[in-house]
Amino acid sequence: NVSYCSIDKKHRTNDIYDILEFEFI
């Protein structure tokens, strides 16, 4: 009963930008 959804985004070098973009998408 579990499916996985990949959050496709640009790769960033800064972890904070990375997680903010992930959470926005």
PDBML (XML) file of the C-alpha atoms, coordinates in Angstrom:
<?xml version="1.0" encoding="UTF-8" ?>
<PDBx:datablock datablockName="MODEL"
   xmlns:PDBx="http://pdbml.pdb.org/schema/pdbx-v50.xsd"
   xmlns:xsi="http://www.w3.org/2001/XMLSchema-instance"
   xsi:schemaLocation="http://pdbml.pdb.org/schema/pdbx-v50.xsd pdbx-v50.xsd">
   <PDBx:atom_siteCategory>
      <PDBx:atom_site id="1">
         <PDBx:B_iso_or_equiv>0.00</PDBx:B_iso_or_equiv>
         <PDBx:Cartn_x>0.000</PDBx:Cartn_x>
         <PDBx:Cartn_y>0.000</PDBx:Cartn_y>
         <PDBx:Cartn_z>0.000</PDBx:Cartn_z>
         <PDBx:auth_asym_id>A</PDBx:auth_asym_id>
         <PDBx:auth_atom_id>CA</PDBx:auth_atom_id>
         <PDBx:auth_comp_id>ASN</PDBx:auth_comp_id>
         <PDBx:auth_seq_id>1</PDBx:auth_seq_id>
         <PDBx:group_PDB>ATOM</PDBx:group_PDB>
         <PDBx:label_alt_id xsi:nil="true" />
         <PDBx:label_asym_id>A</PDBx:label_asym_id>
         <PDBx:label_atom_id>CA</PDBx:label_atom_id>
         <PDBx:label_comp_id>ASN</PDBx:label_comp_id>
         <PDBx:label_entity_id>1</PDBx:label_entity_id>
         <PDBx:label_seq_id>1</PDBx:label_seq_id>
         <PDBx:occupancy>1.00</PDBx:occupancy>
         <PDBx:pdbx_PDB_model_num>1</PDBx:pdbx_PDB_model_num>
         <PDBx:type_symbol>C</PDBx:type_symbol>
      </PDBx:atom_site>
      <PDBx:atom_site id="2">
         <PDBx:B_iso_or_equiv>0.00</PDBx:B_iso_or_equiv>
         <PDBx:Cartn_x>3.039</PDBx:Cartn_x>
         <PDBx:Cartn_y>2.306</PDBx:Cartn_y>
         <PDBx:Cartn_z>-0.388</PDBx:Cartn_z>
         <PDBx:auth_asym_id>A</PDBx:auth_asym_id>
         <PDBx:auth_atom_id>CA</PDBx:auth_atom_id>
         <PDBx:auth_comp_id>VAL</PDBx:auth_comp_id>
         <PDBx:auth_seq_id>2</PDBx:auth_seq_id>
         <PDBx:group_PDB>ATOM</PDBx:group_PDB>
         <PDBx:label_alt_id xsi:nil="true" />
         <PDBx:label_asym_id>A</PDBx:label_asym_id>
         <PDBx:label_atom_id>CA</PDBx:label_atom_id>
         <PDBx:label_comp_id>VAL</PDBx:label_comp_id>
         <PDBx:label_entity_id>1</PDBx:label_entity_id>
         <PDBx:label_seq_id>2</PDBx:label_seq_id>
         <PDBx:occupancy>1.00</PDBx:occupancy>
         <PDBx:pdbx_PDB_model_num>1</PDBx:pdbx_PDB_model_num>
         <PDBx:type_symbol>C</PDBx:type_symbol>
      </PDBx:atom_site>
      <PDBx:atom_site id="3">
         <PDBx:B_iso_or_equiv>0.00</PDBx:B_iso_or_equiv>
         <PDBx:Cartn_x>4.092</PDBx:Cartn_x>
         <PDBx:Cartn_y>4.228</PDBx:Cartn_y>
         <PDBx:Cartn_z>-3.484</PDBx:Cartn_z>
         <PDBx:auth_asym_id>A</PDBx:auth_asym_id>
         <PDBx:auth_atom_id>CA</PDBx:auth_atom_id>
         <PDBx:auth_comp_id>SER</PDBx:auth_comp_id>
         <PDBx:auth_seq_id>3</PDBx:auth_seq_id>
         <PDBx:group_PDB>ATOM</PDBx:group_PDB>
         <PDBx:label_alt_id xsi:nil="true" />
         <PDBx:label_asym_id>A</PDBx:label_asym_id>
         <PDBx:label_atom_id>CA</PDBx:label_atom_id>
         <PDBx:label_comp_id>SER</PDBx:label_comp_id>
         <PDBx:label_entity_id>1</PDBx:label_entity_id>
         <PDBx:label_seq_id>3</PDBx:label_seq_id>
         <PDBx:occupancy>1.00</PDBx:occupancy>
         <PDBx:pdbx_PDB_model_num>1</PDBx:pdbx_PDB_model_num>
         <PDBx:type_symbol>C</PDBx:type_symbol>
      </PDBx:atom_site>
      <PDBx:atom_site id="4">
         <PDBx:B_iso_or_equiv>0.00</PDBx:B_iso_or_equiv>
         <PDBx:Cartn_x>7.096</PDBx:Cartn_x>
         <PDBx:Cartn_y>6.513</PDBx:Cartn_y>
         <PDBx:Cartn_z>-3.885</PDBx:Cartn_z>
         <PDBx:auth_asym_id>A</PDBx:auth_asym_id>
         <PDBx:auth_atom_id>CA</PDBx:auth_atom_id>
         <PDBx:auth_comp_id>TYR</PDBx:auth_comp_id>
         <PDBx:auth_seq_id>4</PDBx:auth_seq_id>
         <PDBx:group_PDB>ATOM</PDBx:group_PDB>
         <PDBx:label_alt_id xsi:nil="true" />
         <PDBx:label_asym_id>A</PDBx:label_asym_id>
         <PDBx:label_atom_id>CA</PDBx:label_atom_id>
         <PDBx:label_comp_id>TYR</PDBx:label_comp_id>
         <PDBx:label_entity_id>1</PDBx:label_entity_id>
         <PDBx:label_seq_id>4</PDBx:label_seq_id>
         <PDBx:occupancy>1.00</PDBx:occupancy>
         <PDBx:pdbx_PDB_model_num>1</PDBx:pdbx_PDB_model_num>
         <PDBx:type_symbol>C</PDBx:type_symbol>
      </PDBx:atom_site>
      <PDBx:atom_site id="5">
         <PDBx:B_iso_or_equiv>0.00</PDBx:B_iso_or_equiv>
         <PDBx:Cartn_x>7.047</PDBx:Cartn_x>
         <PDBx:Cartn_y>9.917</PDBx:Cartn_y>
         <PDBx:Cartn_z>-5.529</PDBx:Cartn_z>
         <PDBx:auth_asym_id>A</PDBx:auth_asym_id>
         <PDBx:auth_atom_id>CA</PDBx:auth_atom_id>
         <PDBx:auth_comp_id>CYS</PDBx:auth_comp_id>
         <PDBx:auth_seq_id>5</PDBx:auth_seq_id>
         <PDBx:group_PDB>ATOM</PDBx:group_PDB>
         <PDBx:label_alt_id xsi:nil="true" />
         <PDBx:label_asym_id>A</PDBx:label_asym_id>
         <PDBx:label_atom_id>CA</PDBx:label_atom_id>
         <PDBx:label_comp_id>CYS</PDBx:label_comp_id>
         <PDBx:label_entity_id>1</PDBx:label_entity_id>
         <PDBx:label_seq_id>5</PDBx:label_seq_id>
         <PDBx:occupancy>1.00</PDBx:occupancy>
         <PDBx:pdbx_PDB_model_num>1</PDBx:pdbx_PDB_model_num>
         <PDBx:type_symbol>C</PDBx:type_symbol>
      </PDBx:atom_site>
      <PDBx:atom_site id="6">
         <PDBx:B_iso_or_equiv>0.00</PDBx:B_iso_or_equiv>
         <PDBx:Cartn_x>10.371</PDBx:Cartn_x>
         <PDBx:Cartn_y>11.309</PDBx:Cartn_y>
         <PDBx:Cartn_z>-6.715</PDBx:Cartn_z>
         <PDBx:auth_asym_id>A</PDBx:auth_asym_id>
         <PDBx:auth_atom_id>CA</PDBx:auth_atom_id>
         <PDBx:auth_comp_id>SER</PDBx:auth_comp_id>
         <PDBx:auth_seq_id>6</PDBx:auth_seq_id>
         <PDBx:group_PDB>ATOM</PDBx:group_PDB>
         <PDBx:label_alt_id xsi:nil="true" />
         <PDBx:label_asym_id>A</PDBx:label_asym_id>
         <PDBx:label_atom_id>CA</PDBx:label_atom_id>
         <PDBx:label_comp_id>SER</PDBx:label_comp_id>
         <PDBx:label_entity_id>1</PDBx:label_entity_id>
         <PDBx:label_seq_id>6</PDBx:label_seq_id>
         <PDBx:occupancy>1.00</PDBx:occupancy>
         <PDBx:pdbx_PDB_model_num>1</PDBx:pdbx_PDB_model_num>
         <PDBx:type_symbol>C</PDBx:type_symbol>
      </PDBx:atom_site>
      <PDBx:atom_site id="7">
         <PDBx:B_iso_or_equiv>0.00</PDBx:B_iso_or_equiv>
         <PDBx:Cartn_x>10.810</PDBx:Cartn_x>
         <PDBx:Cartn_y>15.068</PDBx:Cartn_y>
         <PDBx:Cartn_z>-6.306</PDBx:Cartn_z>
         <PDBx:auth_asym_id>A</PDBx:auth_asym_id>
         <PDBx:auth_atom_id>CA</PDBx:auth_atom_id>
         <PDBx:auth_comp_id>ILE</PDBx:auth_comp_id>
         <PDBx:auth_seq_id>7</PDBx:auth_seq_id>
         <PDBx:group_PDB>ATOM</PDBx:group_PDB>
         <PDBx:label_alt_id xsi:nil="true" />
         <PDBx:label_asym_id>A</PDBx:label_asym_id>
         <PDBx:label_atom_id>CA</PDBx:label_atom_id>
         <PDBx:label_comp_id>ILE</PDBx:label_comp_id>
         <PDBx:label_entity_id>1</PDBx:label_entity_id>
         <PDBx:label_seq_id>7</PDBx:label_seq_id>
         <PDBx:occupancy>1.00</PDBx:occupancy>
         <PDBx:pdbx_PDB_model_num>1</PDBx:pdbx_PDB_model_num>
         <PDBx:type_symbol>C</PDBx:type_symbol>
      </PDBx:atom_site>
      <PDBx:atom_site id="8">
         <PDBx:B_iso_or_equiv>0.00</PDBx:B_iso_or_equiv>
         <PDBx:Cartn_x>12.718</PDBx:Cartn_x>
         <PDBx:Cartn_y>16.017</PDBx:Cartn_y>
         <PDBx:Cartn_z>-9.449</PDBx:Cartn_z>
         <PDBx:auth_asym_id>A</PDBx:auth_asym_id>
         <PDBx:auth_atom_id>CA</PDBx:auth_atom_id>
         <PDBx:auth_comp_id>ASP</PDBx:auth_comp_id>
         <PDBx:auth_seq_id>8</PDBx:auth_seq_id>
         <PDBx:group_PDB>ATOM</PDBx:group_PDB>
         <PDBx:label_alt_id xsi:nil="true" />
         <PDBx:label_asym_id>A</PDBx:label_asym_id>
         <PDBx:label_atom_id>CA</PDBx:label_atom_id>
         <PDBx:label_comp_id>ASP</PDBx:label_comp_id>
         <PDBx:label_entity_id>1</PDBx:label_entity_id>
         <PDBx:label_seq_id>8</PDBx:label_seq_id>
         <PDBx:occupancy>1.00</PDBx:occupancy>
         <PDBx:pdbx_PDB_model_num>1</PDBx:pdbx_PDB_model_num>
         <PDBx:type_symbol>C</PDBx:type_symbol>
      </PDBx:atom_site>
      <PDBx:atom_site id="9">
         <PDBx:B_iso_or_equiv>0.00</PDBx:B_iso_or_equiv>
         <PDBx:Cartn_x>14.662</PDBx:Cartn_x>
         <PDBx:Cartn_y>19.207</PDBx:Cartn_y>
         <PDBx:Cartn_z>-8.948</PDBx:Cartn_z>
         <PDBx:auth_asym_id>A</PDBx:auth_asym_id>
         <PDBx:auth_atom_id>CA</PDBx:auth_atom_id>
         <PDBx:auth_comp_id>LYS</PDBx:auth_comp_id>
         <PDBx:auth_seq_id>9</PDBx:auth_seq_id>
         <PDBx:group_PDB>ATOM</PDBx:group_PDB>
         <PDBx:label_alt_id xsi:nil="true" />
         <PDBx:label_asym_id>A</PDBx:label_asym_id>
         <PDBx:label_atom_id>CA</PDBx:label_atom_id>
         <PDBx:label_comp_id>LYS</PDBx:label_comp_id>
         <PDBx:label_entity_id>1</PDBx:label_entity_id>
         <PDBx:label_seq_id>9</PDBx:label_seq_id>
         <PDBx:occupancy>1.00</PDBx:occupancy>
         <PDBx:pdbx_PDB_model_num>1</PDBx:pdbx_PDB_model_num>
         <PDBx:type_symbol>C</PDBx:type_symbol>
      </PDBx:atom_site>
      <PDBx:atom_site id="10">
         <PDBx:B_iso_or_equiv>0.00</PDBx:B_iso_or_equiv>
         <PDBx:Cartn_x>17.931</PDBx:Cartn_x>
         <PDBx:Cartn_y>20.919</PDBx:Cartn_y>
         <PDBx:Cartn_z>-9.762</PDBx:Cartn_z>
         <PDBx:auth_asym_id>A</PDBx:auth_asym_id>
         <PDBx:auth_atom_id>CA</PDBx:auth_atom_id>
         <PDBx:auth_comp_id>LYS</PDBx:auth_comp_id>
         <PDBx:auth_seq_id>10</PDBx:auth_seq_id>
         <PDBx:group_PDB>ATOM</PDBx:group_PDB>
         <PDBx:label_alt_id xsi:nil="true" />
         <PDBx:label_asym_id>A</PDBx:label_asym_id>
         <PDBx:label_atom_id>CA</PDBx:label_atom_id>
         <PDBx:label_comp_id>LYS</PDBx:label_comp_id>
         <PDBx:label_entity_id>1</PDBx:label_entity_id>
         <PDBx:label_seq_id>10</PDBx:label_seq_id>
         <PDBx:occupancy>1.00</PDBx:occupancy>
         <PDBx:pdbx_PDB_model_num>1</PDBx:pdbx_PDB_model_num>
         <PDBx:type_symbol>C</PDBx:type_symbol>
      </PDBx:atom_site>
      <PDBx:atom_site id="11">
         <PDBx:B_iso_or_equiv>0.00</PDBx:B_iso_or_equiv>
         <PDBx:Cartn_x>20.961</PDBx:Cartn_x>
         <PDBx:Cartn_y>19.757</PDBx:Cartn_y>
         <PDBx:Cartn_z>-7.824</PDBx:Cartn_z>
         <PDBx:auth_asym_id>A</PDBx:auth_asym_id>
         <PDBx:auth_atom_id>CA</PDBx:auth_atom_id>
         <PDBx:auth_comp_id>HIS</PDBx:auth_comp_id>
         <PDBx:auth_seq_id>11</PDBx:auth_seq_id>
         <PDBx:group_PDB>ATOM</PDBx:group_PDB>
         <PDBx:label_alt_id xsi:nil="true" />
         <PDBx:label_asym_id>A</PDBx:label_asym_id>
         <PDBx:label_atom_id>CA</PDBx:label_atom_id>
         <PDBx:label_comp_id>HIS</PDBx:label_comp_id>
         <PDBx:label_entity_id>1</PDBx:label_entity_id>
         <PDBx:label_seq_id>11</PDBx:label_seq_id>
         <PDBx:occupancy>1.00</PDBx:occupancy>
         <PDBx:pdbx_PDB_model_num>1</PDBx:pdbx_PDB_model_num>
         <PDBx:type_symbol>C</PDBx:type_symbol>
      </PDBx:atom_site>
      <PDBx:atom_site id="12">
         <PDBx:B_iso_or_equiv>0.00</PDBx:B_iso_or_equiv>
         <PDBx:Cartn_x>22.271</PDBx:Cartn_x>
         <PDBx:Cartn_y>22.491</PDBx:Cartn_y>
         <PDBx:Cartn_z>-5.542</PDBx:Cartn_z>
         <PDBx:auth_asym_id>A</PDBx:auth_asym_id>
         <PDBx:auth_atom_id>CA</PDBx:auth_atom_id>
         <PDBx:auth_comp_id>ARG</PDBx:auth_comp_id>
         <PDBx:auth_seq_id>12</PDBx:auth_seq_id>
         <PDBx:group_PDB>ATOM</PDBx:group_PDB>
         <PDBx:label_alt_id xsi:nil="true" />
         <PDBx:label_asym_id>A</PDBx:label_asym_id>
         <PDBx:label_atom_id>CA</PDBx:label_atom_id>
         <PDBx:label_comp_id>ARG</PDBx:label_comp_id>
         <PDBx:label_entity_id>1</PDBx:label_entity_id>
         <PDBx:label_seq_id>12</PDBx:label_seq_id>
         <PDBx:occupancy>1.00</PDBx:occupancy>
         <PDBx:pdbx_PDB_model_num>1</PDBx:pdbx_PDB_model_num>
         <PDBx:type_symbol>C</PDBx:type_symbol>
      </PDBx:atom_site>
      <PDBx:atom_site id="13">
         <PDBx:B_iso_or_equiv>0.00</PDBx:B_iso_or_equiv>
         <PDBx:Cartn_x>25.512</PDBx:Cartn_x>
         <PDBx:Cartn_y>22.585</PDBx:Cartn_y>
         <PDBx:Cartn_z>-3.626</PDBx:Cartn_z>
         <PDBx:auth_asym_id>A</PDBx:auth_asym_id>
         <PDBx:auth_atom_id>CA</PDBx:auth_atom_id>
         <PDBx:auth_comp_id>THR</PDBx:auth_comp_id>
         <PDBx:auth_seq_id>13</PDBx:auth_seq_id>
         <PDBx:group_PDB>ATOM</PDBx:group_PDB>
         <PDBx:label_alt_id xsi:nil="true" />
         <PDBx:label_asym_id>A</PDBx:label_asym_id>
         <PDBx:label_atom_id>CA</PDBx:label_atom_id>
         <PDBx:label_comp_id>THR</PDBx:label_comp_id>
         <PDBx:label_entity_id>1</PDBx:label_entity_id>
         <PDBx:label_seq_id>13</PDBx:label_seq_id>
         <PDBx:occupancy>1.00</PDBx:occupancy>
         <PDBx:pdbx_PDB_model_num>1</PDBx:pdbx_PDB_model_num>
         <PDBx:type_symbol>C</PDBx:type_symbol>
      </PDBx:atom_site>
      <PDBx:atom_site id="14">
         <PDBx:B_iso_or_equiv>0.00</PDBx:B_iso_or_equiv>
         <PDBx:Cartn_x>23.958</PDBx:Cartn_x>
         <PDBx:Cartn_y>24.151</PDBx:Cartn_y>
         <PDBx:Cartn_z>-0.528</PDBx:Cartn_z>
         <PDBx:auth_asym_id>A</PDBx:auth_asym_id>
         <PDBx:auth_atom_id>CA</PDBx:auth_atom_id>
         <PDBx:auth_comp_id>ASN</PDBx:auth_comp_id>
         <PDBx:auth_seq_id>14</PDBx:auth_seq_id>
         <PDBx:group_PDB>ATOM</PDBx:group_PDB>
         <PDBx:label_alt_id xsi:nil="true" />
         <PDBx:label_asym_id>A</PDBx:label_asym_id>
         <PDBx:label_atom_id>CA</PDBx:label_atom_id>
         <PDBx:label_comp_id>ASN</PDBx:label_comp_id>
         <PDBx:label_entity_id>1</PDBx:label_entity_id>
         <PDBx:label_seq_id>14</PDBx:label_seq_id>
         <PDBx:occupancy>1.00</PDBx:occupancy>
         <PDBx:pdbx_PDB_model_num>1</PDBx:pdbx_PDB_model_num>
         <PDBx:type_symbol>C</PDBx:type_symbol>
      </PDBx:atom_site>
      <PDBx:atom_site id="15">
         <PDBx:B_iso_or_equiv>0.00</PDBx:B_iso_or_equiv>
         <PDBx:Cartn_x>21.920</PDBx:Cartn_x>
         <PDBx:Cartn_y>21.766</PDBx:Cartn_y>
         <PDBx:Cartn_z>1.651</PDBx:Cartn_z>
         <PDBx:auth_asym_id>A</PDBx:auth_asym_id>
         <PDBx:auth_atom_id>CA</PDBx:auth_atom_id>
         <PDBx:auth_comp_id>ASP</PDBx:auth_comp_id>
         <PDBx:auth_seq_id>15</PDBx:auth_seq_id>
         <PDBx:group_PDB>ATOM</PDBx:group_PDB>
         <PDBx:label_alt_id xsi:nil="true" />
         <PDBx:label_asym_id>A</PDBx:label_asym_id>
         <PDBx:label_atom_id>CA</PDBx:label_atom_id>
         <PDBx:label_comp_id>ASP</PDBx:label_comp_id>
         <PDBx:label_entity_id>1</PDBx:label_entity_id>
         <PDBx:label_seq_id>15</PDBx:label_seq_id>
         <PDBx:occupancy>1.00</PDBx:occupancy>
         <PDBx:pdbx_PDB_model_num>1</PDBx:pdbx_PDB_model_num>
         <PDBx:type_symbol>C</PDBx:type_symbol>
      </PDBx:atom_site>
      <PDBx:atom_site id="16">
         <PDBx:B_iso_or_equiv>0.00</PDBx:B_iso_or_equiv>
         <PDBx:Cartn_x>19.573</PDBx:Cartn_x>
         <PDBx:Cartn_y>24.531</PDBx:Cartn_y>
         <PDBx:Cartn_z>2.822</PDBx:Cartn_z>
         <PDBx:auth_asym_id>A</PDBx:auth_asym_id>
         <PDBx:auth_atom_id>CA</PDBx:auth_atom_id>
         <PDBx:auth_comp_id>ILE</PDBx:auth_comp_id>
         <PDBx:auth_seq_id>16</PDBx:auth_seq_id>
         <PDBx:group_PDB>ATOM</PDBx:group_PDB>
         <PDBx:label_alt_id xsi:nil="true" />
         <PDBx:label_asym_id>A</PDBx:label_asym_id>
         <PDBx:label_atom_id>CA</PDBx:label_atom_id>
         <PDBx:label_comp_id>ILE</PDBx:label_comp_id>
         <PDBx:label_entity_id>1</PDBx:label_entity_id>
         <PDBx:label_seq_id>16</PDBx:label_seq_id>
         <PDBx:occupancy>1.00</PDBx:occupancy>
         <PDBx:pdbx_PDB_model_num>1</PDBx:pdbx_PDB_model_num>
         <PDBx:type_symbol>C</PDBx:type_symbol>
      </PDBx:atom_site>
      <PDBx:atom_site id="17">
         <PDBx:B_iso_or_equiv>0.00</PDBx:B_iso_or_equiv>
         <PDBx:Cartn_x>18.623</PDBx:Cartn_x>
         <PDBx:Cartn_y>25.553</PDBx:Cartn_y>
         <PDBx:Cartn_z>-0.730</PDBx:Cartn_z>
         <PDBx:auth_asym_id>A</PDBx:auth_asym_id>
         <PDBx:auth_atom_id>CA</PDBx:auth_atom_id>
         <PDBx:auth_comp_id>TYR</PDBx:auth_comp_id>
         <PDBx:auth_seq_id>17</PDBx:auth_seq_id>
         <PDBx:group_PDB>ATOM</PDBx:group_PDB>
         <PDBx:label_alt_id xsi:nil="true" />
         <PDBx:label_asym_id>A</PDBx:label_asym_id>
         <PDBx:label_atom_id>CA</PDBx:label_atom_id>
         <PDBx:label_comp_id>TYR</PDBx:label_comp_id>
         <PDBx:label_entity_id>1</PDBx:label_entity_id>
         <PDBx:label_seq_id>17</PDBx:label_seq_id>
         <PDBx:occupancy>1.00</PDBx:occupancy>
         <PDBx:pdbx_PDB_model_num>1</PDBx:pdbx_PDB_model_num>
         <PDBx:type_symbol>C</PDBx:type_symbol>
      </PDBx:atom_site>
      <PDBx:atom_site id="18">
         <PDBx:B_iso_or_equiv>0.00</PDBx:B_iso_or_equiv>
         <PDBx:Cartn_x>18.244</PDBx:Cartn_x>
         <PDBx:Cartn_y>21.849</PDBx:Cartn_y>
         <PDBx:Cartn_z>-1.520</PDBx:Cartn_z>
         <PDBx:auth_asym_id>A</PDBx:auth_asym_id>
         <PDBx:auth_atom_id>CA</PDBx:auth_atom_id>
         <PDBx:auth_comp_id>ASP</PDBx:auth_comp_id>
         <PDBx:auth_seq_id>18</PDBx:auth_seq_id>
         <PDBx:group_PDB>ATOM</PDBx:group_PDB>
         <PDBx:label_alt_id xsi:nil="true" />
         <PDBx:label_asym_id>A</PDBx:label_asym_id>
         <PDBx:label_atom_id>CA</PDBx:label_atom_id>
         <PDBx:label_comp_id>ASP</PDBx:label_comp_id>
         <PDBx:label_entity_id>1</PDBx:label_entity_id>
         <PDBx:label_seq_id>18</PDBx:label_seq_id>
         <PDBx:occupancy>1.00</PDBx:occupancy>
         <PDBx:pdbx_PDB_model_num>1</PDBx:pdbx_PDB_model_num>
         <PDBx:type_symbol>C</PDBx:type_symbol>
      </PDBx:atom_site>
      <PDBx:atom_site id="19">
         <PDBx:B_iso_or_equiv>0.00</PDBx:B_iso_or_equiv>
         <PDBx:Cartn_x>15.781</PDBx:Cartn_x>
         <PDBx:Cartn_y>21.101</PDBx:Cartn_y>
         <PDBx:Cartn_z>1.276</PDBx:Cartn_z>
         <PDBx:auth_asym_id>A</PDBx:auth_asym_id>
         <PDBx:auth_atom_id>CA</PDBx:auth_atom_id>
         <PDBx:auth_comp_id>ILE</PDBx:auth_comp_id>
         <PDBx:auth_seq_id>19</PDBx:auth_seq_id>
         <PDBx:group_PDB>ATOM</PDBx:group_PDB>
         <PDBx:label_alt_id xsi:nil="true" />
         <PDBx:label_asym_id>A</PDBx:label_asym_id>
         <PDBx:label_atom_id>CA</PDBx:label_atom_id>
         <PDBx:label_comp_id>ILE</PDBx:label_comp_id>
         <PDBx:label_entity_id>1</PDBx:label_entity_id>
         <PDBx:label_seq_id>19</PDBx:label_seq_id>
         <PDBx:occupancy>1.00</PDBx:occupancy>
         <PDBx:pdbx_PDB_model_num>1</PDBx:pdbx_PDB_model_num>
         <PDBx:type_symbol>C</PDBx:type_symbol>
      </PDBx:atom_site>
      <PDBx:atom_site id="20">
         <PDBx:B_iso_or_equiv>0.00</PDBx:B_iso_or_equiv>
         <PDBx:Cartn_x>13.826</PDBx:Cartn_x>
         <PDBx:Cartn_y>24.335</PDBx:Cartn_y>
         <PDBx:Cartn_z>0.728</PDBx:Cartn_z>
         <PDBx:auth_asym_id>A</PDBx:auth_asym_id>
         <PDBx:auth_atom_id>CA</PDBx:auth_atom_id>
         <PDBx:auth_comp_id>LEU</PDBx:auth_comp_id>
         <PDBx:auth_seq_id>20</PDBx:auth_seq_id>
         <PDBx:group_PDB>ATOM</PDBx:group_PDB>
         <PDBx:label_alt_id xsi:nil="true" />
         <PDBx:label_asym_id>A</PDBx:label_asym_id>
         <PDBx:label_atom_id>CA</PDBx:label_atom_id>
         <PDBx:label_comp_id>LEU</PDBx:label_comp_id>
         <PDBx:label_entity_id>1</PDBx:label_entity_id>
         <PDBx:label_seq_id>20</PDBx:label_seq_id>
         <PDBx:occupancy>1.00</PDBx:occupancy>
         <PDBx:pdbx_PDB_model_num>1</PDBx:pdbx_PDB_model_num>
         <PDBx:type_symbol>C</PDBx:type_symbol>
      </PDBx:atom_site>
      <PDBx:atom_site id="21">
         <PDBx:B_iso_or_equiv>0.00</PDBx:B_iso_or_equiv>
         <PDBx:Cartn_x>13.315</PDBx:Cartn_x>
         <PDBx:Cartn_y>23.461</PDBx:Cartn_y>
         <PDBx:Cartn_z>-2.928</PDBx:Cartn_z>
         <PDBx:auth_asym_id>A</PDBx:auth_asym_id>
         <PDBx:auth_atom_id>CA</PDBx:auth_atom_id>
         <PDBx:auth_comp_id>GLU</PDBx:auth_comp_id>
         <PDBx:auth_seq_id>21</PDBx:auth_seq_id>
         <PDBx:group_PDB>ATOM</PDBx:group_PDB>
         <PDBx:label_alt_id xsi:nil="true" />
         <PDBx:label_asym_id>A</PDBx:label_asym_id>
         <PDBx:label_atom_id>CA</PDBx:label_atom_id>
         <PDBx:label_comp_id>GLU</PDBx:label_comp_id>
         <PDBx:label_entity_id>1</PDBx:label_entity_id>
         <PDBx:label_seq_id>21</PDBx:label_seq_id>
         <PDBx:occupancy>1.00</PDBx:occupancy>
         <PDBx:pdbx_PDB_model_num>1</PDBx:pdbx_PDB_model_num>
         <PDBx:type_symbol>C</PDBx:type_symbol>
      </PDBx:atom_site>
      <PDBx:atom_site id="22">
         <PDBx:B_iso_or_equiv>0.00</PDBx:B_iso_or_equiv>
         <PDBx:Cartn_x>12.380</PDBx:Cartn_x>
         <PDBx:Cartn_y>19.883</PDBx:Cartn_y>
         <PDBx:Cartn_z>-1.994</PDBx:Cartn_z>
         <PDBx:auth_asym_id>A</PDBx:auth_asym_id>
         <PDBx:auth_atom_id>CA</PDBx:auth_atom_id>
         <PDBx:auth_comp_id>PHE</PDBx:auth_comp_id>
         <PDBx:auth_seq_id>22</PDBx:auth_seq_id>
         <PDBx:group_PDB>ATOM</PDBx:group_PDB>
         <PDBx:label_alt_id xsi:nil="true" />
         <PDBx:label_asym_id>A</PDBx:label_asym_id>
         <PDBx:label_atom_id>CA</PDBx:label_atom_id>
         <PDBx:label_comp_id>PHE</PDBx:label_comp_id>
         <PDBx:label_entity_id>1</PDBx:label_entity_id>
         <PDBx:label_seq_id>22</PDBx:label_seq_id>
         <PDBx:occupancy>1.00</PDBx:occupancy>
         <PDBx:pdbx_PDB_model_num>1</PDBx:pdbx_PDB_model_num>
         <PDBx:type_symbol>C</PDBx:type_symbol>
      </PDBx:atom_site>
      <PDBx:atom_site id="23">
         <PDBx:B_iso_or_equiv>0.00</PDBx:B_iso_or_equiv>
         <PDBx:Cartn_x>9.758</PDBx:Cartn_x>
         <PDBx:Cartn_y>21.082</PDBx:Cartn_y>
         <PDBx:Cartn_z>0.507</PDBx:Cartn_z>
         <PDBx:auth_asym_id>A</PDBx:auth_asym_id>
         <PDBx:auth_atom_id>CA</PDBx:auth_atom_id>
         <PDBx:auth_comp_id>GLU</PDBx:auth_comp_id>
         <PDBx:auth_seq_id>23</PDBx:auth_seq_id>
         <PDBx:group_PDB>ATOM</PDBx:group_PDB>
         <PDBx:label_alt_id xsi:nil="true" />
         <PDBx:label_asym_id>A</PDBx:label_asym_id>
         <PDBx:label_atom_id>CA</PDBx:label_atom_id>
         <PDBx:label_comp_id>GLU</PDBx:label_comp_id>
         <PDBx:label_entity_id>1</PDBx:label_entity_id>
         <PDBx:label_seq_id>23</PDBx:label_seq_id>
         <PDBx:occupancy>1.00</PDBx:occupancy>
         <PDBx:pdbx_PDB_model_num>1</PDBx:pdbx_PDB_model_num>
         <PDBx:type_symbol>C</PDBx:type_symbol>
      </PDBx:atom_site>
      <PDBx:atom_site id="24">
         <PDBx:B_iso_or_equiv>0.00</PDBx:B_iso_or_equiv>
         <PDBx:Cartn_x>8.366</PDBx:Cartn_x>
         <PDBx:Cartn_y>23.645</PDBx:Cartn_y>
         <PDBx:Cartn_z>-1.946</PDBx:Cartn_z>
         <PDBx:auth_asym_id>A</PDBx:auth_asym_id>
         <PDBx:auth_atom_id>CA</PDBx:auth_atom_id>
         <PDBx:auth_comp_id>PHE</PDBx:auth_comp_id>
         <PDBx:auth_seq_id>24</PDBx:auth_seq_id>
         <PDBx:group_PDB>ATOM</PDBx:group_PDB>
         <PDBx:label_alt_id xsi:nil="true" />
         <PDBx:label_asym_id>A</PDBx:label_asym_id>
         <PDBx:label_atom_id>CA</PDBx:label_atom_id>
         <PDBx:label_comp_id>PHE</PDBx:label_comp_id>
         <PDBx:label_entity_id>1</PDBx:label_entity_id>
         <PDBx:label_seq_id>24</PDBx:label_seq_id>
         <PDBx:occupancy>1.00</PDBx:occupancy>
         <PDBx:pdbx_PDB_model_num>1</PDBx:pdbx_PDB_model_num>
         <PDBx:type_symbol>C</PDBx:type_symbol>
      </PDBx:atom_site>
      <PDBx:atom_site id="25">
         <PDBx:B_iso_or_equiv>0.00</PDBx:B_iso_or_equiv>
         <PDBx:Cartn_x>7.874</PDBx:Cartn_x>
         <PDBx:Cartn_y>21.027</PDBx:Cartn_y>
         <PDBx:Cartn_z>-4.669</PDBx:Cartn_z>
         <PDBx:auth_asym_id>A</PDBx:auth_asym_id>
         <PDBx:auth_atom_id>CA</PDBx:auth_atom_id>
         <PDBx:auth_comp_id>ILE</PDBx:auth_comp_id>
         <PDBx:auth_seq_id>25</PDBx:auth_seq_id>
         <PDBx:group_PDB>ATOM</PDBx:group_PDB>
         <PDBx:label_alt_id xsi:nil="true" />
         <PDBx:label_asym_id>A</PDBx:label_asym_id>
         <PDBx:label_atom_id>CA</PDBx:label_atom_id>
         <PDBx:label_comp_id>ILE</PDBx:label_comp_id>
         <PDBx:label_entity_id>1</PDBx:label_entity_id>
         <PDBx:label_seq_id>25</PDBx:label_seq_id>
         <PDBx:occupancy>1.00</PDBx:occupancy>
         <PDBx:pdbx_PDB_model_num>1</PDBx:pdbx_PDB_model_num>
         <PDBx:type_symbol>C</PDBx:type_symbol>
      </PDBx:atom_site>
   </PDBx:atom_siteCategory>
</PDBx:datablock>
